[in-house]
């Protein structure tokens, strides 16, 4: 199962390390990453594989939300099925 993780907020040191650290802790494989800084706003999109995630989805979302809150950034996890369904409509 694939998902997209988006991270948006004021640029700060360690964003990638913290997000990838959570991925590593939970057994989530990062397949692709793109990032940029747009007028002092950090924007990152990660394509990840959740097939070996070691916790239920609610716990995974909570962990990313906690990291986002600690960094004062918005972190969202969207499963690939959501994007697939949008294209079928």
Protein backbone atom coordinates (compact mmCIF):
# COMPACT_ATOMS: atom_id res chain seq x y z
CA UNK A 1 0.00 0.00 0.00
CA UNK A 2 1.38 3.40 -1.02
CA UNK A 3 0.78 6.81 0.49
CA UNK A 4 1.86 10.41 0.05
CA UNK A 5 3.18 12.36 3.01
CA UNK A 6 3.15 16.14 2.65
CA UNK A 7 4.99 18.53 4.96
CA UNK A 8 4.43 22.29 4.80
CA UNK A 9 5.56 25.06 7.11
CA UNK A 10 8.25 27.55 7.97
CA UNK A 11 11.66 26.22 7.07
CA UNK A 12 13.63 24.93 10.04
CA UNK A 13 16.59 22.65 10.68
CA UNK A 14 15.95 18.90 10.86
CA UNK A 15 12.60 18.55 9.11
CA UNK A 16 13.70 15.75 6.80
CA UNK A 17 15.51 13.96 9.60
CA UNK A 18 12.47 14.02 11.88
CA UNK A 19 9.99 12.86 9.25
CA UNK A 20 12.29 10.16 7.90
CA UNK A 21 13.03 9.12 11.49
CA UNK A 22 9.34 8.42 12.10
CA UNK A 23 9.22 6.48 8.83
CA UNK A 24 12.18 4.39 9.94
CA UNK A 25 10.75 3.74 13.41
CA UNK A 26 7.45 2.55 11.92
CA UNK A 27 8.89 0.45 9.10
CA UNK A 28 7.69 2.81 6.37
CA UNK A 29 9.84 2.75 3.24
CA UNK A 30 10.47 6.10 1.52
CA UNK A 31 10.37 5.56 -2.24
CA UNK A 32 10.65 9.10 -3.54
CA UNK A 33 11.06 12.61 -2.14
CA UNK A 34 10.76 16.07 -3.56
CA UNK A 35 11.29 19.23 -1.54
CA UNK A 36 11.64 22.92 -2.09
CA UNK A 37 11.63 26.16 -0.19
CA UNK A 38 9.14 28.66 -1.52
CA UNK A 39 9.44 32.13 0.02
CA UNK A 40 10.72 30.73 3.34
CA UNK A 41 8.09 27.95 3.38
CA UNK A 42 9.39 24.39 3.39
CA UNK A 43 7.39 22.06 1.14
CA UNK A 44 8.06 18.33 0.91
CA UNK A 45 6.22 15.47 -0.76
CA UNK A 46 7.21 11.87 -0.05
CA UNK A 47 5.91 8.76 -1.76
CA UNK A 48 6.05 5.94 0.78
CA UNK A 49 5.26 2.24 0.99
CA UNK A 50 3.14 1.37 4.03
CA UNK A 51 3.07 -2.39 3.46
CA UNK A 52 5.51 -3.05 6.34
CA UNK A 53 4.27 -0.36 8.71
CA UNK A 54 4.46 -1.76 12.23
CA UNK A 55 1.46 0.10 13.71
CA UNK A 56 -2.21 0.64 12.77
CA UNK A 57 -2.98 3.60 10.53
CA UNK A 58 -4.50 5.66 13.35
CA UNK A 59 -1.28 5.34 15.35
CA UNK A 60 0.83 6.18 12.29
CA UNK A 61 -1.21 9.32 11.61
CA UNK A 62 -0.98 10.33 15.27
CA UNK A 63 2.82 9.98 15.22
CA UNK A 64 3.16 12.19 12.13
CA UNK A 65 0.71 14.73 13.59
CA UNK A 66 2.76 14.91 16.80
CA UNK A 67 5.99 15.51 14.87
CA UNK A 68 4.27 18.16 12.77
CA UNK A 69 2.91 19.90 15.84
CA UNK A 70 6.32 19.87 17.51
CA UNK A 71 7.85 21.48 14.40
CA UNK A 72 4.87 23.83 13.91
CA UNK A 73 4.31 22.32 10.47
CA UNK A 74 1.40 20.66 8.74
CA UNK A 75 2.04 16.95 8.07
CA UNK A 76 -0.56 14.94 6.16
CA UNK A 77 -0.64 11.28 5.17
CA UNK A 78 -2.90 10.39 2.24
CA UNK A 79 -3.24 6.81 1.04
CA UNK A 80 -2.93 6.14 -2.68
CA UNK A 81 -6.50 4.81 -2.78
CA UNK A 82 -7.77 8.35 -2.19
CA UNK A 83 -5.97 9.63 -5.29
CA UNK A 84 -7.09 6.62 -7.31
CA UNK A 85 -10.73 7.22 -6.29
CA UNK A 86 -10.52 10.92 -7.24
CA UNK A 87 -9.46 9.96 -10.75
CA UNK A 88 -12.34 7.50 -11.15
CA UNK A 89 -14.98 10.10 -10.33
